[in-house]
């Protein structure tokens, strides 16, 4: 694994993905807690999960097709920038109401993330040789 991380492009991808995944998981945990604290409703919290999973159902099967036709590196950069921009509306959510903003953020965050994963997975074999591919994965 260490020899694989010595490759500059792979190391940049790996550390960037580590930061991105950490933020994604923090958001995945924080948004339902926030919605439940805001509404006190398990139904509203479940709707938040549904808003985050709906893009997987709608776009999951076609995202890889689009990514195969695009430049993978550019697709990853654009997807990560869209994911970062999509959480900015959370800064203006007041303490009461506006739960729909949280739902929209979860939906758009998931939409952008769907295009990021196939781009990364298809870019990885181009960054490392075949003998290092298992360690890179």
C-alpha atoms as a PDB file:
ATOM      1  CA  UNK A   1       0.000   0.000   0.000  1.00  0.00           C
ATOM      2  CA  UNK A   2       2.803   2.431   0.820  1.00  0.00           C
ATOM      3  CA  UNK A   3       4.430   1.939  -2.574  1.00  0.00           C
ATOM      4  CA  UNK A   4       1.079   2.682  -4.216  1.00  0.00           C
ATOM      5  CA  UNK A   5       0.725   5.922  -2.253  1.00  0.00           C
ATOM      6  CA  UNK A   6       4.116   7.047  -3.578  1.00  0.00           C
ATOM      7  CA  UNK A   7       2.523   7.586  -6.969  1.00  0.00           C
ATOM      8  CA  UNK A   8       1.581  11.261  -6.979  1.00  0.00           C
ATOM      9  CA  UNK A   9      -1.681  11.027  -8.931  1.00  0.00           C
ATOM     10  CA  UNK A  10      -2.943   8.089  -6.909  1.00  0.00           C
ATOM     11  CA  UNK A  11      -1.989   9.774  -3.619  1.00  0.00           C
ATOM     12  CA  UNK A  12      -3.862  12.927  -4.605  1.00  0.00           C
ATOM     13  CA  UNK A  13      -6.917  10.880  -5.541  1.00  0.00           C
ATOM     14  CA  UNK A  14      -6.721   8.804  -2.362  1.00  0.00           C
ATOM     15  CA  UNK A  15      -6.363  11.738   0.046  1.00  0.00           C
ATOM     16  CA  UNK A  16      -8.980  13.782  -1.801  1.00  0.00           C
ATOM     17  CA  UNK A  17     -11.393  10.867  -1.671  1.00  0.00           C
ATOM     18  CA  UNK A  18     -10.645  10.371   2.037  1.00  0.00           C
ATOM     19  CA  UNK A  19     -11.628  13.969   2.750  1.00  0.00           C
ATOM     20  CA  UNK A  20     -14.706  13.699   0.544  1.00  0.00           C
ATOM     21  CA  UNK A  21     -15.911  10.441   2.115  1.00  0.00           C
ATOM     22  CA  UNK A  22     -15.380  11.832   5.613  1.00  0.00           C
ATOM     23  CA  UNK A  23     -17.553  14.826   4.790  1.00  0.00           C
ATOM     24  CA  UNK A  24     -20.188  12.660   3.116  1.00  0.00           C
ATOM     25  CA  UNK A  25     -20.487  10.389   6.146  1.00  0.00           C
ATOM     26  CA  UNK A  26     -20.609  13.314   8.543  1.00  0.00           C
ATOM     27  CA  UNK A  27     -23.441  14.781   6.489  1.00  0.00           C
ATOM     28  CA  UNK A  28     -25.201  11.417   6.359  1.00  0.00           C
ATOM     29  CA  UNK A  29     -25.186  11.290  10.163  1.00  0.00           C
ATOM     30  CA  UNK A  30     -25.799  14.986  10.856  1.00  0.00           C
ATOM     31  CA  UNK A  31     -28.759  15.669   8.556  1.00  0.00           C
ATOM     32  CA  UNK A  32     -31.126  13.068  10.055  1.00  0.00           C
ATOM     33  CA  UNK A  33     -30.181  14.157  13.562  1.00  0.00           C
ATOM     34  CA  UNK A  34     -30.809  17.780  12.591  1.00  0.00           C
ATOM     35  CA  UNK A  35     -34.172  16.975  10.979  1.00  0.00           C
ATOM     36  CA  UNK A  36     -35.270  14.951  13.987  1.00  0.00           C
ATOM     37  CA  UNK A  37     -34.171  17.705  16.371  1.00  0.00           C
ATOM     38  CA  UNK A  38     -35.958  20.290  14.249  1.00  0.00           C
ATOM     39  CA  UNK A  39     -39.227  18.403  13.814  1.00  0.00           C
ATOM     40  CA  UNK A  40     -39.286  15.672  16.458  1.00  0.00           C
ATOM     41  CA  UNK A  41     -40.814  13.460  13.784  1.00  0.00           C
ATOM     42  CA  UNK A  42     -39.539  10.056  12.747  1.00  0.00           C
ATOM     43  CA  UNK A  43     -41.530  10.430   9.515  1.00  0.00           C
ATOM     44  CA  UNK A  44     -39.694  13.640   8.625  1.00  0.00           C
ATOM     45  CA  UNK A  45     -36.384  11.937   9.409  1.00  0.00           C
ATOM     46  CA  UNK A  46     -37.312   9.004   7.190  1.00  0.00           C
ATOM     47  CA  UNK A  47     -38.246  11.429   4.420  1.00  0.00           C
ATOM     48  CA  UNK A  48     -34.774  12.906   4.716  1.00  0.00           C
ATOM     49  CA  UNK A  49     -33.262   9.467   4.138  1.00  0.00           C
ATOM     50  CA  UNK A  50     -35.614   8.971   1.191  1.00  0.00           C
ATOM     51  CA  UNK A  51     -34.526  12.284  -0.324  1.00  0.00           C
ATOM     52  CA  UNK A  52     -30.913  11.119  -0.134  1.00  0.00           C
ATOM     53  CA  UNK A  53     -31.626   7.690  -1.611  1.00  0.00           C
ATOM     54  CA  UNK A  54     -34.016   8.720  -4.383  1.00  0.00           C
ATOM     55  CA  UNK A  55     -31.237   9.814  -6.783  1.00  0.00           C
ATOM     56  CA  UNK A  56     -29.689   6.348  -6.483  1.00  0.00           C
ATOM     57  CA  UNK A  57     -32.930   4.857  -7.740  1.00  0.00           C
ATOM     58  CA  UNK A  58     -33.468   7.452 -10.462  1.00  0.00           C
ATOM     59  CA  UNK A  59     -29.934   7.987 -11.753  1.00  0.00           C
ATOM     60  CA  UNK A  60     -27.893   5.076 -10.456  1.00  0.00           C
ATOM     61  CA  UNK A  61     -28.165   2.929 -13.548  1.00  0.00           C
ATOM     62  CA  UNK A  62     -27.304   5.686 -16.027  1.00  0.00           C
ATOM     63  CA  UNK A  63     -24.588   7.594 -14.176  1.00  0.00           C
ATOM     64  CA  UNK A  64     -21.845   5.226 -15.313  1.00  0.00           C
ATOM     65  CA  UNK A  65     -22.925   5.565 -18.928  1.00  0.00           C
ATOM     66  CA  UNK A  66     -22.524   9.323 -18.805  1.00  0.00           C
ATOM     67  CA  UNK A  67     -19.220   9.141 -16.944  1.00  0.00           C
ATOM     68  CA  UNK A  68     -17.833   6.765 -19.583  1.00  0.00           C
ATOM     69  CA  UNK A  69     -18.474   9.422 -22.215  1.00  0.00           C
ATOM     70  CA  UNK A  70     -16.976  12.284 -20.206  1.00  0.00           C
ATOM     71  CA  UNK A  71     -13.463  13.063 -19.055  1.00  0.00           C
ATOM     72  CA  UNK A  72     -13.307  11.218 -15.731  1.00  0.00           C
ATOM     73  CA  UNK A  73     -11.068  13.678 -13.969  1.00  0.00           C
ATOM     74  CA  UNK A  74     -13.252  16.604 -14.960  1.00  0.00           C
ATOM     75  CA  UNK A  75     -16.370  14.679 -13.939  1.00  0.00           C
ATOM     76  CA  UNK A  76     -14.903  14.072 -10.487  1.00  0.00           C
ATOM     77  CA  UNK A  77     -13.895  17.704 -10.026  1.00  0.00           C
ATOM     78  CA  UNK A  78     -17.288  19.006 -11.150  1.00  0.00           C
ATOM     79  CA  UNK A  79     -19.145  16.450  -9.010  1.00  0.00           C
ATOM     80  CA  UNK A  80     -17.120  17.354  -5.913  1.00  0.00           C
ATOM     81  CA  UNK A  81     -17.607  21.074  -6.514  1.00  0.00           C
ATOM     82  CA  UNK A  82     -21.352  20.532  -6.918  1.00  0.00           C
ATOM     83  CA  UNK A  83     -21.434  18.466  -3.734  1.00  0.00           C
ATOM     84  CA  UNK A  84     -19.629  21.238  -1.866  1.00  0.00           C
ATOM     85  CA  UNK A  85     -21.892  23.939  -3.292  1.00  0.00           C
ATOM     86  CA  UNK A  86     -25.025  21.933  -2.544  1.00  0.00           C
ATOM     87  CA  UNK A  87     -24.490  22.128   1.212  1.00  0.00           C
ATOM     88  CA  UNK A  88     -24.254  25.931   1.270  1.00  0.00           C
ATOM     89  CA  UNK A  89     -28.040  26.405   1.631  1.00  0.00           C
ATOM     90  CA  UNK A  90     -27.788  24.718   5.034  1.00  0.00           C
ATOM     91  CA  UNK A  91     -26.187  27.910   6.298  1.00  0.00           C
ATOM     92  CA  UNK A  92     -29.457  29.817   5.919  1.00  0.00           C
ATOM     93  CA  UNK A  93     -31.847  27.268   7.447  1.00  0.00           C
ATOM     94  CA  UNK A  94     -33.433  28.892  10.506  1.00  0.00           C
ATOM     95  CA  UNK A  95     -34.128  26.947  13.680  1.00  0.00           C
ATOM     96  CA  UNK A  96     -37.816  26.586  12.820  1.00  0.00           C
ATOM     97  CA  UNK A  97     -39.267  25.371   9.579  1.00  0.00           C
ATOM     98  CA  UNK A  98     -37.567  25.113   6.201  1.00  0.00           C
ATOM     99  CA  UNK A  99     -37.060  21.374   6.452  1.00  0.00           C
ATOM    100  CA  UNK A 100     -37.534  21.258   2.680  1.00  0.00           C
ATOM    101  CA  UNK A 101     -34.116  22.910   2.305  1.00  0.00           C
ATOM    102  CA  UNK A 102     -32.510  19.988   4.142  1.00  0.00           C
ATOM    103  CA  UNK A 103     -34.375  17.559   1.875  1.00  0.00           C
ATOM    104  CA  UNK A 104     -33.196  19.446  -1.217  1.00  0.00           C
ATOM    105  CA  UNK A 105     -29.605  19.449   0.019  1.00  0.00           C
ATOM    106  CA  UNK A 106     -29.694  15.696   0.636  1.00  0.00           C
ATOM    107  CA  UNK A 107     -31.192  15.137  -2.826  1.00  0.00           C
ATOM    108  CA  UNK A 108     -28.684  17.284  -4.733  1.00  0.00           C
ATOM    109  CA  UNK A 109     -25.753  16.008  -2.682  1.00  0.00           C
ATOM    110  CA  UNK A 110     -26.687  12.467  -3.625  1.00  0.00           C
ATOM    111  CA  UNK A 111     -27.234  13.410  -7.298  1.00  0.00           C
ATOM    112  CA  UNK A 112     -23.705  14.776  -7.596  1.00  0.00           C
ATOM    113  CA  UNK A 113     -22.208  11.874  -5.649  1.00  0.00           C
ATOM    114  CA  UNK A 114     -23.699   9.352  -8.046  1.00  0.00           C
ATOM    115  CA  UNK A 115     -21.498  10.694 -10.849  1.00  0.00           C
ATOM    116  CA  UNK A 116     -18.409  10.870  -8.659  1.00  0.00           C
ATOM    117  CA  UNK A 117     -18.169   7.164  -7.776  1.00  0.00           C
ATOM    118  CA  UNK A 118     -18.068   5.651 -11.279  1.00  0.00           C
ATOM    119  CA  UNK A 119     -15.610   8.339 -12.353  1.00  0.00           C
ATOM    120  CA  UNK A 120     -13.262   7.437  -9.524  1.00  0.00           C
ATOM    121  CA  UNK A 121     -13.622   3.706 -10.021  1.00  0.00           C
ATOM    122  CA  UNK A 122     -12.871   3.925 -13.727  1.00  0.00           C
ATOM    123  CA  UNK A 123      -9.984   6.348 -13.237  1.00  0.00           C
ATOM    124  CA  UNK A 124      -8.163   4.180 -10.703  1.00  0.00           C
ATOM    125  CA  UNK A 125      -6.806   1.555 -13.156  1.00  0.00           C
ATOM    126  CA  UNK A 126      -5.290   4.368 -15.221  1.00  0.00           C
ATOM    127  CA  UNK A 127      -3.309   5.683 -12.251  1.00  0.00           C
ATOM    128  CA  UNK A 128      -1.629   2.477 -11.080  1.00  0.00           C
ATOM    129  CA  UNK A 129      -0.116  -0.528 -12.782  1.00  0.00           C
ATOM    130  CA  UNK A 130      -1.865  -3.903 -12.797  1.00  0.00           C
ATOM    131  CA  UNK A 131       0.304  -5.350 -10.031  1.00  0.00           C
ATOM    132  CA  UNK A 132      -0.659  -2.484  -7.666  1.00  0.00           C
ATOM    133  CA  UNK A 133      -4.350  -2.409  -8.548  1.00  0.00           C
ATOM    134  CA  UNK A 134      -5.448  -4.700  -5.704  1.00  0.00           C
ATOM    135  CA  UNK A 135      -3.682  -2.540  -3.130  1.00  0.00           C
ATOM    136  CA  UNK A 136      -5.060   0.612  -4.722  1.00  0.00           C
ATOM    137  CA  UNK A 137      -8.596  -0.709  -4.540  1.00  0.00           C
END
